[in-house]
Amino acid sequence: MTSIAMNRRTLLAAGAGGSAALLGGGALAGCSNRSGSPQNAPSVNEAVIRPAYVPYRGVQPDLPGNEAGVDPAFRNFPREHPKVVQEKPGSGQPLTGMGNIFYAVPPGPDQNTYWAGLNDRLGVDLKLQMVPTGDWSRKFATTIAGNELPDLMQMRVIANFPQLLDKKFARLDDHLAGDAVKNYPNLANLPEASWQAAIYNGGIYGVPIPRGASGNYCFVRQDLFEQAGVSMEPKGFDELKELMRALTDPPKRRWAIGSWAQLRKHLITLNEAPNGWRYEGGKLTHQYETEEYKQTINDLIELWQLGVIHPDTFSDSLQSKALFSSGSIAITHDGYLGWTQYVLDNVSNPAFKLGLIPVYTRDGSELAPWHQGNASFSITSLKKQDSPDKLTLALRVLNWLAAPFGTEEYLYRLYGEQGVDHTVNAEGNPTLTKTGQTNTVLPIRYLADAPPVIYQPGRPDDADQQHAYQTKILATSVADPTDGLFSNTLATQNATVDRNVTDGLKAIIQGRKPFAEWDRLIDTWRQQAGDKIRAEYEDQLQ
């Protein structure tokens, strides 16, 4: 519940207008049990045959991944680009899709050679609804309620989500379960853990967008660390506090960190609080309920009073990324994919030096257990079709879009046409042109994607740096035991209830409410949602 990444547990129904309206009536809304619905019972989902895992071996990394979840790393883009989809998925048919976009909407295929080239390679007339992130909740709700579904839809977990899938989207077991997925080799290459997000109602209801185990990085402005003469490995709370004091210089408009919530994430790890939930003896304990979390609150109070956190930290308009790039803050927690964006945002600043720091336990004696990220970002579901051929076409398109790093298909999907959308340097690394930066931002990576790798064009040392960091932090990492599970209470009630906890916590940190208020907040959280969420998860874990 503190995870930054979007996933099936946190893509909530805020502003969705209620599940009954989305499902077209009240009957389905009433047939839920603690796991969401009878057909979504834990025993039913446990019996689902997962897609076979057949990893792609056609491109070899410079630094291999490992079983702890470290991603394979490439110092340069492979010079050979094997073609892994030998035939075009379609033969000119129309195909519709809908996904979230985080950039300006690009031109259509009549003015966008990249999009036109993608359609040619896919053999379809791909029509996309590209929804800005601020409009995603509303657009998802109205699309479902209006029953004007695209063929491919990036999903958002809402109230009574299993019933929604059962009523409106295709069950894909015949196409993907077990060895059937081998007809789509790039989908068979997706990590096994990521498929859990697509399991509902005793079947497979989508294709996952996989994400790496590291989840987040603790990014730092290494140039500012070096100027302040502080360690890149602060060991324990006391060293962290002194480091933050040394980095802070209010007259120069500089603070150690911008976001109190990001600092909370750091301190939760340092104090060894659970990654969301702790599962022991058949029982779940939420991080809110632990002494480690109370220690984290005390630490936040101390650091706020010390003045090392940006003074606008409690404002909803705080822009941590911009403050980090400008040098107004020196530390930020962000998704690991943020590495590329920080590099691109600061190409014109020769002083900018990006670094990463690990988190040690409170006493500094050892690395703290890293909180793993979620195995998938979201899933793409396929609407029910009268013709099985249309489902096959959609899966063939997703298979093409999921082509692995280094392949011909991957190169075009991310970088477009050489000489138009990207250029290539002497080492074979592609760089997007201005045209490519505009044209290639179609949200197809939120319809299907390859397993993550570590790679930064033209910066081979970055691969070594990130790979070493992942190797260090994931050696002692812990997963959230509820990742990939569904709680109907979380989807229907938790957004409001958790916001009350967060608002109360902000008041405690700022001294507007006493520390004792925390126990009352958590009692209310348990009564209003927490205990129900716990029970729904425990049903599935047992």
Protein backbone atom coordinates (compact mmCIF):
# COMPACT_ATOMS: atom_id res chain seq x y z
CA MET A 1 0.00 0.00 0.00
CA THR A 2 3.01 2.24 0.13
CA SER A 3 4.28 1.04 -3.21
CA ILE A 4 4.89 3.75 -5.79
CA ALA A 5 4.59 1.43 -8.74
CA MET A 6 1.15 0.87 -10.32
CA ASN A 7 -0.03 -2.72 -10.03
CA ARG A 8 -3.16 -4.80 -9.65
CA ARG A 9 -3.44 -3.86 -5.97
CA THR A 10 -2.95 -0.12 -6.36
CA LEU A 11 -4.75 0.74 -9.59
CA LEU A 12 -7.83 1.56 -7.55
CA ALA A 13 -11.30 2.66 -8.48
CA ALA A 14 -10.92 6.27 -7.40
CA GLY A 15 -13.46 8.28 -9.33
CA ALA A 16 -14.75 5.19 -11.13
CA GLY A 17 -18.32 5.71 -10.00
CA GLY A 18 -18.88 2.27 -8.47
CA SER A 19 -18.57 -1.26 -9.74
CA ALA A 20 -22.29 -1.86 -10.25
CA ALA A 21 -22.46 0.96 -12.80
CA LEU A 22 -19.38 -0.33 -14.57
CA LEU A 23 -20.75 -3.83 -14.78
CA GLY A 24 -24.12 -2.66 -16.04
CA GLY A 25 -26.24 -3.60 -13.03
CA GLY A 26 -26.35 -4.52 -9.36
CA ALA A 27 -26.58 -8.30 -9.62
CA LEU A 28 -22.88 -8.93 -10.04
CA ALA A 29 -21.95 -6.36 -7.44
CA GLY A 30 -23.77 -8.44 -4.83
CA CYS A 31 -22.12 -11.79 -5.51
CA SER A 32 -18.79 -11.20 -3.81
CA ASN A 33 -17.04 -13.10 -1.06
CA ARG A 34 -13.82 -12.21 0.70
CA SER A 35 -11.77 -12.91 -2.42
CA GLY A 36 -14.04 -10.92 -4.72
CA SER A 37 -16.48 -13.58 -6.02
CA PRO A 38 -17.13 -17.34 -5.66
CA GLN A 39 -15.53 -18.17 -9.00
CA ASN A 40 -12.44 -16.21 -7.90
CA ALA A 41 -11.88 -18.39 -4.83
CA PRO A 42 -8.20 -18.99 -3.89
CA SER A 43 -8.42 -22.75 -4.47
CA VAL A 44 -9.76 -22.17 -7.97
CA ASN A 45 -7.00 -19.74 -8.89
CA GLU A 46 -4.28 -21.92 -7.41
CA ALA A 47 -5.27 -24.70 -9.80
CA VAL A 48 -4.73 -22.57 -12.91
CA ILE A 49 -2.02 -23.92 -15.21
CA ARG A 50 0.42 -21.05 -15.68
CA PRO A 51 2.03 -20.39 -19.06
CA ALA A 52 5.22 -22.34 -19.62
CA TYR A 53 8.40 -20.31 -19.21
CA VAL A 54 10.80 -20.51 -22.15
CA PRO A 55 13.50 -17.83 -21.79
CA TYR A 56 14.93 -16.25 -24.93
CA ARG A 57 18.64 -17.01 -25.42
CA GLY A 58 19.26 -15.32 -28.76
CA VAL A 59 21.03 -12.26 -27.32
CA GLN A 60 23.64 -12.59 -24.57
CA PRO A 61 24.09 -9.82 -21.97
CA ASP A 62 27.44 -8.48 -20.83
CA LEU A 63 26.38 -9.05 -17.23
CA PRO A 64 23.85 -11.83 -16.58
CA GLY A 65 20.83 -11.64 -14.35
CA ASN A 66 20.38 -14.01 -11.45
CA GLU A 67 17.74 -15.84 -9.43
CA ALA A 68 17.62 -13.05 -6.85
CA GLY A 69 16.00 -10.86 -9.51
CA VAL A 70 18.99 -8.89 -10.82
CA ASP A 71 18.27 -7.85 -14.42
CA PRO A 72 20.70 -8.73 -17.22
CA ALA A 73 22.81 -5.75 -18.27
CA PHE A 74 24.08 -4.60 -21.68
CA ARG A 75 26.84 -2.03 -22.03
CA ASN A 76 25.95 -1.48 -25.68
CA PHE A 77 23.07 -2.40 -27.92
CA PRO A 78 23.76 -5.71 -29.68
CA ARG A 79 25.18 -5.22 -33.17
CA GLU A 80 23.19 -8.15 -34.53
CA HIS A 81 19.42 -7.80 -34.30
CA PRO A 82 17.85 -11.24 -34.75
CA LYS A 83 14.33 -11.32 -36.15
CA VAL A 84 12.12 -13.34 -33.81
CA VAL A 85 8.70 -12.95 -35.46
CA GLN A 86 9.05 -14.36 -38.95
CA GLU A 87 5.56 -13.55 -40.24
CA LYS A 88 3.44 -10.45 -39.86
CA PRO A 89 0.82 -11.02 -37.16
CA GLY A 90 -2.03 -9.76 -39.37
CA SER A 91 -3.00 -9.22 -42.99
CA GLY A 92 -4.42 -5.72 -42.87
CA GLN A 93 -7.21 -6.15 -40.30
CA PRO A 94 -8.17 -3.29 -37.97
CA LEU A 95 -7.23 -3.66 -34.30
CA THR A 96 -8.06 -1.25 -31.50
CA GLY A 97 -6.22 -0.62 -28.25
CA MET A 98 -6.31 1.69 -25.24
CA GLY A 99 -3.43 2.62 -22.95
CA ASN A 100 -2.12 5.24 -20.59
CA ILE A 101 0.26 7.84 -22.06
CA PHE A 102 2.69 9.99 -20.07
CA TYR A 103 3.77 12.24 -22.95
CA ALA A 104 2.16 14.53 -25.47
CA VAL A 105 -0.03 12.52 -27.85
CA PRO A 106 1.94 11.90 -31.09
CA PRO A 107 0.64 12.49 -34.61
CA GLY A 108 -1.54 9.85 -36.24
CA PRO A 109 -0.23 7.30 -38.77
CA ASP A 110 -1.00 9.59 -41.71
CA GLN A 111 1.58 12.08 -40.35
CA ASN A 112 3.75 9.70 -38.33
CA THR A 113 6.06 7.43 -40.29
CA TYR A 114 6.86 5.44 -37.13
CA TRP A 115 3.21 4.56 -36.54
CA ALA A 116 2.72 3.77 -40.22
CA GLY A 117 5.81 1.55 -40.14
CA LEU A 118 4.56 -0.20 -37.01
CA ASN A 119 1.24 -0.93 -38.70
CA ASP A 120 3.10 -2.39 -41.67
CA ARG A 121 5.24 -4.64 -39.47
CA LEU A 122 2.23 -5.79 -37.47
CA GLY A 123 0.07 -6.23 -40.56
CA VAL A 124 -2.81 -4.41 -38.87
CA ASP A 125 -4.46 -1.02 -38.86
CA LEU A 126 -3.74 -0.24 -35.21
CA LYS A 127 -6.07 2.40 -33.81
CA LEU A 128 -5.09 3.60 -30.32
CA GLN A 129 -6.91 5.55 -27.65
CA MET A 130 -4.09 7.30 -25.79
CA VAL A 131 -5.27 8.49 -22.39
CA PRO A 132 -3.27 11.04 -20.37
CA THR A 133 -2.53 9.79 -16.88
CA GLY A 134 -4.68 12.45 -15.22
CA ASP A 135 -7.72 11.27 -17.21
CA TRP A 136 -7.11 7.54 -16.84
CA SER A 137 -9.61 6.81 -14.04
CA ARG A 138 -12.47 8.64 -15.73
CA LYS A 139 -11.76 7.29 -19.21
CA PHE A 140 -11.46 3.71 -18.00
CA ALA A 141 -14.78 3.98 -16.16
CA THR A 142 -16.67 5.53 -19.07
CA THR A 143 -15.23 3.02 -21.55
CA ILE A 144 -16.33 0.07 -19.43
CA ALA A 145 -19.74 1.57 -18.66
CA GLY A 146 -20.37 2.45 -22.29
CA ASN A 147 -19.43 -1.06 -23.43
CA GLU A 148 -17.33 0.38 -26.27
CA LEU A 149 -14.33 -1.79 -25.50
CA PRO A 150 -11.15 -1.82 -27.56
CA ASP A 151 -9.72 -5.16 -28.64
CA LEU A 152 -6.69 -4.63 -26.36
CA MET A 153 -7.12 -2.76 -23.08
CA GLN A 154 -4.65 -1.81 -20.39
CA MET A 155 -6.52 -2.73 -17.23
CA ARG A 156 -7.21 -0.91 -14.01
CA VAL A 157 -8.14 -2.93 -10.93
CA ILE A 158 -11.48 -1.72 -9.63
CA ALA A 159 -14.28 -2.95 -7.39
CA ASN A 160 -15.52 -6.44 -8.29
CA PHE A 161 -12.73 -6.76 -10.83
CA PRO A 162 -13.07 -10.57 -11.21
CA GLN A 163 -16.72 -10.17 -12.27
CA LEU A 164 -15.79 -7.44 -14.72
CA LEU A 165 -13.23 -9.72 -16.36
CA ASP A 166 -15.66 -12.64 -16.46
CA LYS A 167 -18.41 -10.57 -18.08
CA LYS A 168 -16.52 -8.52 -20.64
CA PHE A 169 -13.07 -10.01 -21.32
CA ALA A 170 -11.79 -13.22 -22.85
CA ARG A 171 -10.45 -16.12 -20.84
CA LEU A 172 -7.18 -17.09 -22.49
CA ASP A 173 -6.30 -20.51 -21.06
CA ASP A 174 -6.73 -22.29 -24.39
CA HIS A 175 -4.19 -19.91 -25.92
CA LEU A 176 -1.70 -19.40 -23.07
CA ALA A 177 -1.89 -22.08 -20.37
CA GLY A 178 1.00 -24.54 -20.16
CA ASP A 179 2.66 -25.34 -23.47
CA ALA A 180 -0.03 -23.48 -25.44
CA VAL A 181 1.90 -20.25 -24.87
CA LYS A 182 4.75 -21.63 -26.97
CA ASN A 183 2.76 -20.56 -30.02
CA TYR A 184 3.67 -17.06 -28.82
CA PRO A 185 7.38 -17.42 -27.94
CA ASN A 186 7.83 -13.83 -26.78
CA LEU A 187 4.97 -14.23 -24.31
CA ALA A 188 6.53 -17.50 -23.14
CA ASN A 189 9.66 -15.43 -22.39
CA LEU A 190 7.81 -13.33 -19.78
CA PRO A 191 8.89 -14.07 -16.18
CA GLU A 192 6.77 -16.65 -14.40
CA ALA A 193 5.98 -14.39 -11.44
CA SER A 194 4.47 -11.70 -13.65
CA TRP A 195 1.61 -13.97 -14.77
CA GLN A 196 0.10 -14.06 -11.28
CA ALA A 197 -1.40 -10.63 -11.97
CA ALA A 198 -3.51 -12.11 -14.79
CA ILE A 199 -5.01 -15.02 -12.82
CA TYR A 200 -8.69 -14.60 -11.89
CA ASN A 201 -11.80 -16.75 -11.82
CA GLY A 202 -9.78 -19.90 -12.31
CA GLY A 203 -8.28 -18.71 -15.58
CA ILE A 204 -5.88 -16.40 -17.40
CA TYR A 205 -7.43 -13.05 -18.25
CA GLY A 206 -4.61 -11.04 -19.76
CA VAL A 207 -0.96 -10.57 -20.61
CA PRO A 208 1.25 -8.96 -17.93
CA ILE A 209 3.60 -6.02 -18.33
CA PRO A 210 6.63 -7.36 -16.40
CA ARG A 211 8.75 -5.32 -14.03
CA GLY A 212 12.08 -5.96 -12.31
CA ALA A 213 12.44 -7.13 -8.71
CA SER A 214 14.36 -4.03 -7.61
CA GLY A 215 11.21 -1.93 -8.00
CA ASN A 216 12.78 1.34 -6.91
CA TYR A 217 16.23 2.88 -6.67
CA CYS A 218 17.49 5.38 -4.16
CA PHE A 219 18.82 7.95 -6.66
CA VAL A 220 21.28 10.61 -5.53
CA ARG A 221 23.05 13.57 -7.08
CA GLN A 222 26.53 12.12 -6.74
CA ASP A 223 28.04 15.46 -7.75
CA LEU A 224 26.35 17.11 -4.75
CA PHE A 225 27.45 14.27 -2.47
CA GLU A 226 31.02 14.78 -3.59
CA GLN A 227 30.81 18.54 -3.08
CA ALA A 228 29.52 17.98 0.46
CA GLY A 229 32.18 15.33 1.15
CA VAL A 230 29.66 12.74 2.32
CA SER A 231 29.62 8.96 1.93
CA MET A 232 27.79 7.16 -0.86
CA GLU A 233 27.05 4.38 1.67
CA PRO A 234 25.59 5.94 4.83
CA LYS A 235 25.47 3.15 7.40
CA GLY A 236 22.54 3.45 9.75
CA PHE A 237 20.25 6.25 10.87
CA ASP A 238 22.85 8.43 12.55
CA GLU A 239 25.06 8.54 9.46
CA LEU A 240 22.04 9.20 7.27
CA LYS A 241 20.98 12.09 9.49
CA GLU A 242 24.43 13.68 9.40
CA LEU A 243 24.67 13.18 5.66
CA MET A 244 21.32 14.90 5.16
CA ARG A 245 22.39 17.77 7.38
CA ALA A 246 25.59 18.22 5.33
CA LEU A 247 23.64 18.23 2.04
CA THR A 248 21.14 20.85 3.22
CA ASP A 249 21.78 24.56 2.61
CA PRO A 250 18.51 26.57 2.71
CA PRO A 251 20.12 29.92 1.68
CA LYS A 252 21.16 28.14 -1.53
CA ARG A 253 17.68 26.59 -1.85
CA ARG A 254 19.01 23.09 -1.32
CA TRP A 255 17.69 20.29 0.87
CA ALA A 256 18.67 16.67 1.26
CA ILE A 257 15.34 15.28 0.06
CA GLY A 258 12.10 16.64 -1.34
CA SER A 259 9.35 14.10 -0.68
CA TRP A 260 8.49 13.08 2.86
CA ALA A 261 6.80 9.97 1.40
CA GLN A 262 10.02 8.96 -0.35
CA LEU A 263 11.94 9.49 2.87
CA ARG A 264 9.35 7.34 4.64
CA LYS A 265 10.04 4.57 2.12
CA HIS A 266 13.77 4.84 2.86
CA LEU A 267 13.22 4.74 6.63
CA ILE A 268 10.74 1.87 6.47
CA THR A 269 13.49 -0.16 4.81
CA LEU A 270 16.16 1.07 7.23
CA ASN A 271 13.98 0.17 10.24
CA GLU A 272 13.13 -3.24 8.72
CA ALA A 273 9.38 -2.74 8.62
CA PRO A 274 7.41 -5.16 6.39
CA ASN A 275 7.22 -4.68 2.65
CA GLY A 276 3.51 -3.87 2.77
CA TRP A 277 2.59 -6.91 4.87
CA ARG A 278 4.48 -9.48 6.95
CA TYR A 279 3.20 -13.07 6.77
CA GLU A 280 4.08 -15.30 9.71
CA GLY A 281 2.27 -18.28 11.20
CA GLY A 282 -0.60 -17.96 8.76
CA LYS A 283 -1.28 -14.36 9.86
CA LEU A 284 -0.67 -11.03 8.13
CA THR A 285 0.58 -7.92 9.88
CA HIS A 286 0.53 -4.64 8.01
CA GLN A 287 3.52 -2.32 8.30
CA TYR A 288 1.24 0.27 9.92
CA GLU A 289 0.80 -2.08 12.89
CA THR A 290 4.47 -2.56 13.70
CA GLU A 291 6.92 -0.95 16.11
CA GLU A 292 9.27 -0.49 13.15
CA TYR A 293 6.73 1.81 11.54
CA LYS A 294 6.36 3.82 14.75
CA GLN A 295 10.13 4.23 14.79
CA THR A 296 9.91 5.47 11.20
CA ILE A 297 7.40 8.12 12.27
CA ASN A 298 9.71 9.26 15.07
CA ASP A 299 12.56 9.49 12.55
CA LEU A 300 10.42 11.54 10.16
CA ILE A 301 9.54 13.94 12.97
CA GLU A 302 13.20 14.35 13.89
CA LEU A 303 14.33 14.94 10.30
CA TRP A 304 11.48 17.39 9.63
CA GLN A 305 12.43 19.39 12.72
CA LEU A 306 16.07 19.24 11.62
CA GLY A 307 15.09 21.06 8.40
CA VAL A 308 16.64 18.63 5.92
CA ILE A 309 13.35 17.99 4.06
CA HIS A 310 12.14 20.48 1.43
CA PRO A 311 9.73 22.94 3.09
CA ASP A 312 7.06 22.29 0.44
CA THR A 313 7.18 18.54 1.01
CA PHE A 314 3.55 18.27 2.16
CA SER A 315 2.21 20.08 -0.88
CA ASP A 316 0.53 17.99 -3.56
CA SER A 317 2.28 20.15 -6.17
CA LEU A 318 5.83 19.23 -5.09
CA GLN A 319 7.85 18.22 -8.18
CA SER A 320 10.58 15.92 -6.91
CA LYS A 321 11.95 15.08 -10.36
CA ALA A 322 12.39 18.73 -11.28
CA LEU A 323 13.91 19.58 -7.90
CA PHE A 324 16.36 16.69 -8.26
CA SER A 325 17.42 17.75 -11.74
CA SER A 326 17.84 21.38 -10.67
CA GLY A 327 19.97 20.42 -7.68
CA SER A 328 17.46 21.67 -5.10
CA ILE A 329 17.37 18.19 -3.58
CA ALA A 330 20.09 15.56 -3.55
CA ILE A 331 18.14 12.33 -2.84
CA THR A 332 15.02 10.88 -4.43
CA HIS A 333 13.40 7.44 -4.42
CA ASP A 334 11.89 6.55 -7.78
CA GLY A 335 11.13 3.58 -9.99
CA TYR A 336 14.26 1.98 -11.42
CA LEU A 337 13.17 2.94 -14.95
CA GLY A 338 13.65 6.55 -13.88
CA TRP A 339 17.38 6.20 -14.53
CA THR A 340 16.89 6.81 -18.25
CA GLN A 341 14.68 9.84 -17.72
CA TYR A 342 17.10 11.49 -15.29
CA VAL A 343 19.93 10.99 -17.77
CA LEU A 344 17.91 12.46 -20.65
CA ASP A 345 16.66 15.39 -18.57
CA ASN A 346 20.21 16.42 -17.69
CA VAL A 347 22.19 15.93 -20.90
CA SER A 348 22.91 19.66 -21.03
CA ASN A 349 24.30 19.79 -17.49
CA PRO A 350 27.93 18.60 -17.54
CA ALA A 351 28.09 18.73 -13.72
CA PHE A 352 25.20 16.29 -13.30
CA LYS A 353 26.37 12.95 -11.94
CA LEU A 354 23.78 10.30 -11.17
CA GLY A 355 24.43 7.86 -8.35
CA LEU A 356 22.70 5.21 -6.25
CA ILE A 357 22.95 4.48 -2.53
CA PRO A 358 21.94 1.32 -0.65
CA VAL A 359 20.04 1.26 2.63
CA TYR A 360 21.62 -0.18 5.78
CA THR A 361 19.86 -1.31 8.94
CA ARG A 362 19.31 1.21 11.71
CA ASP A 363 22.54 0.36 13.55
CA GLY A 364 24.52 0.30 10.28
CA SER A 365 25.78 -3.24 10.82
CA GLU A 366 24.42 -4.72 7.58
CA LEU A 367 22.35 -4.03 4.50
CA ALA A 368 18.65 -3.73 5.24
CA PRO A 369 16.32 -6.17 3.45
CA TRP A 370 15.36 -4.38 0.24
CA HIS A 371 11.65 -4.10 -0.52
CA GLN A 372 11.12 -5.81 -3.86
CA GLY A 373 8.85 -4.22 -6.41
CA ASN A 374 5.78 -5.79 -7.97
CA ALA A 375 6.31 -8.40 -10.65
CA SER A 376 3.99 -6.63 -13.08
CA PHE A 377 2.96 -3.06 -13.85
CA SER A 378 -0.51 -3.94 -15.16
CA ILE A 379 -2.16 -6.47 -17.44
CA THR A 380 -3.62 -6.16 -20.92
CA SER A 381 -6.95 -7.90 -21.34
CA LEU A 382 -8.65 -8.85 -24.60
CA LYS A 383 -12.34 -8.17 -25.05
CA LYS A 384 -14.57 -11.11 -25.86
CA GLN A 385 -14.80 -11.74 -29.60
CA ASP A 386 -17.32 -13.58 -31.75
CA SER A 387 -14.46 -14.90 -33.86
CA PRO A 388 -11.62 -16.88 -32.27
CA ASP A 389 -9.44 -15.64 -35.12
CA LYS A 390 -9.67 -12.10 -33.73
CA LEU A 391 -8.33 -13.29 -30.36
CA THR A 392 -5.49 -15.09 -32.12
CA LEU A 393 -4.67 -11.94 -34.08
CA ALA A 394 -4.61 -9.86 -30.89
CA LEU A 395 -2.26 -12.34 -29.18
CA ARG A 396 0.01 -12.43 -32.23
CA VAL A 397 0.26 -8.64 -32.06
CA LEU A 398 1.05 -8.74 -28.33
CA ASN A 399 3.66 -11.41 -29.05
CA TRP A 400 5.35 -9.07 -31.56
CA LEU A 401 5.24 -6.16 -29.10
CA ALA A 402 6.84 -8.32 -26.38
CA ALA A 403 9.91 -9.14 -28.50
CA PRO A 404 13.06 -9.31 -26.31
CA PHE A 405 15.76 -6.68 -26.00
CA GLY A 406 18.23 -6.62 -28.89
CA THR A 407 15.90 -8.10 -31.49
CA GLU A 408 14.87 -6.42 -34.72
CA GLU A 409 11.32 -6.00 -33.44
CA TYR A 410 12.45 -4.48 -30.14
CA LEU A 411 14.74 -2.03 -31.90
CA TYR A 412 11.92 -0.74 -34.08
CA ARG A 413 9.37 -0.68 -31.25
CA LEU A 414 11.53 1.58 -29.08
CA TYR A 415 13.58 3.52 -31.61
CA GLY A 416 11.74 3.45 -34.92
CA GLU A 417 13.44 3.84 -38.29
CA GLN A 418 17.18 4.52 -38.46
CA GLY A 419 17.92 7.90 -40.03
CA VAL A 420 14.43 9.19 -39.24
CA ASP A 421 13.56 8.33 -35.66
CA HIS A 422 17.04 7.47 -34.43
CA THR A 423 20.72 7.60 -35.25
CA VAL A 424 23.37 5.01 -34.39
CA ASN A 425 26.82 5.72 -32.99
CA ALA A 426 30.06 3.85 -33.67
CA GLU A 427 29.29 1.31 -30.93
CA GLY A 428 25.87 0.55 -32.40
CA ASN A 429 23.83 2.44 -29.81
CA PRO A 430 20.62 4.11 -31.03
CA THR A 431 19.69 7.64 -30.01
CA LEU A 432 16.27 9.10 -30.73
CA THR A 433 16.12 12.14 -32.97
CA LYS A 434 13.70 14.98 -32.22
CA THR A 435 11.32 13.37 -34.68
CA GLY A 436 11.69 10.04 -32.90
CA GLN A 437 11.11 11.61 -29.50
CA THR A 438 7.76 12.86 -30.77
CA ASN A 439 6.66 9.93 -32.90
CA THR A 440 7.63 6.85 -30.87
CA VAL A 441 5.75 7.53 -27.62
CA LEU A 442 2.72 5.42 -28.53
CA PRO A 443 1.59 3.62 -25.34
CA ILE A 444 2.20 0.19 -26.87
CA ARG A 445 4.65 -0.62 -24.06
CA TYR A 446 1.58 -0.66 -21.78
CA LEU A 447 -0.07 -3.25 -24.03
CA ALA A 448 2.90 -5.63 -24.09
CA ASP A 449 6.55 -5.41 -23.16
CA ALA A 450 9.71 -7.47 -22.97
CA PRO A 451 11.31 -8.56 -19.69
CA PRO A 452 13.38 -5.72 -18.22
CA VAL A 453 17.09 -5.28 -18.88
CA ILE A 454 19.66 -2.73 -17.79
CA TYR A 455 20.79 -0.55 -20.68
CA GLN A 456 21.48 3.14 -21.25
CA PRO A 457 22.38 4.17 -24.82
CA GLY A 458 25.87 5.60 -25.15
CA ARG A 459 26.68 5.19 -21.42
CA PRO A 460 28.25 1.71 -21.03
CA ASP A 461 29.40 2.34 -17.45
CA ASP A 462 25.78 2.81 -16.41
CA ALA A 463 25.18 -0.90 -17.01
CA ASP A 464 27.92 -1.86 -14.57
CA GLN A 465 26.75 0.69 -12.01
CA GLN A 466 23.13 -0.41 -12.01
CA HIS A 467 23.97 -4.12 -12.17
CA ALA A 468 26.28 -3.82 -9.16
CA TYR A 469 23.60 -1.89 -7.27
CA GLN A 470 20.89 -4.44 -8.00
CA THR A 471 23.24 -7.26 -7.03
CA LYS A 472 23.88 -5.57 -3.68
CA ILE A 473 20.32 -4.62 -2.73
CA LEU A 474 18.58 -7.77 -3.97
CA ALA A 475 20.94 -10.10 -2.10
CA THR A 476 18.88 -9.38 1.02
CA SER A 477 15.47 -8.51 -0.39
CA VAL A 478 11.93 -9.28 0.71
CA ALA A 479 8.76 -9.48 -1.37
CA ASP A 480 5.31 -8.28 -0.41
CA PRO A 481 3.45 -11.58 0.25
CA THR A 482 0.23 -10.10 -1.15
CA ASP A 483 1.70 -9.07 -4.51
CA GLY A 484 -0.57 -10.38 -7.26
CA LEU A 485 -3.53 -11.08 -4.95
CA PHE A 486 -6.92 -9.37 -5.15
CA SER A 487 -8.81 -7.69 -2.31
CA ASN A 488 -12.24 -6.35 -3.13
CA THR A 489 -12.22 -4.23 0.03
CA LEU A 490 -8.95 -2.64 -1.04
CA ALA A 491 -10.46 -1.83 -4.44
CA THR A 492 -13.68 -0.40 -3.03
CA GLN A 493 -12.79 1.26 0.27
CA ASN A 494 -9.08 1.61 0.88
CA ALA A 495 -8.36 4.73 -1.15
CA THR A 496 -10.42 6.94 1.16
CA VAL A 497 -9.48 5.12 4.36
CA ASP A 498 -5.76 5.17 3.60
CA ARG A 499 -5.94 8.85 2.69
CA ASN A 500 -7.20 9.53 6.20
CA VAL A 501 -4.19 7.69 7.62
CA THR A 502 -1.82 9.66 5.41
CA ASP A 503 -3.40 13.00 6.30
CA GLY A 504 -3.16 12.15 9.99
CA LEU A 505 0.47 11.08 9.61
CA LYS A 506 1.34 14.38 7.93
CA ALA A 507 -0.20 16.24 10.87
CA ILE A 508 1.81 14.16 13.35
CA ILE A 509 5.09 14.77 11.52
CA GLN A 510 4.45 18.51 11.42
CA GLY A 511 3.53 18.59 15.13
CA ARG A 512 -0.09 19.56 14.53
CA LYS A 513 -1.25 16.37 16.23
CA PRO A 514 0.38 14.34 19.04
CA PHE A 515 2.21 11.09 18.34
CA ALA A 516 -0.45 9.24 20.35
CA GLU A 517 -2.89 10.04 17.52
CA TRP A 518 -1.23 7.30 15.47
CA ASP A 519 -2.78 4.47 17.50
CA ARG A 520 -6.25 5.96 17.02
CA LEU A 521 -5.65 6.32 13.27
CA ILE A 522 -4.66 2.66 12.95
CA ASP A 523 -7.59 1.46 15.04
CA THR A 524 -9.89 3.33 12.66
CA TRP A 525 -8.04 1.95 9.63
CA ARG A 526 -8.49 -1.60 10.93
CA GLN A 527 -12.19 -1.10 11.57
CA GLN A 528 -12.96 0.59 8.26
CA ALA A 529 -10.90 -1.52 5.87
CA GLY A 530 -7.67 -3.02 7.22
CA ASP A 531 -9.09 -6.10 8.92
CA LYS A 532 -11.26 -6.95 5.91
CA ILE A 533 -8.33 -6.58 3.54
CA ARG A 534 -6.24 -8.77 5.83
CA ALA A 535 -8.91 -11.50 5.85
CA GLU A 536 -9.26 -11.45 2.07
CA TYR A 537 -5.52 -11.81 1.59
CA GLU A 538 -5.18 -14.50 4.26
CA ASP A 539 -7.88 -16.55 2.50
CA GLN A 540 -5.69 -16.63 -0.58
CA LEU A 541 -2.39 -17.20 1.19
CA GLN A 542 -3.73 -20.16 3.17
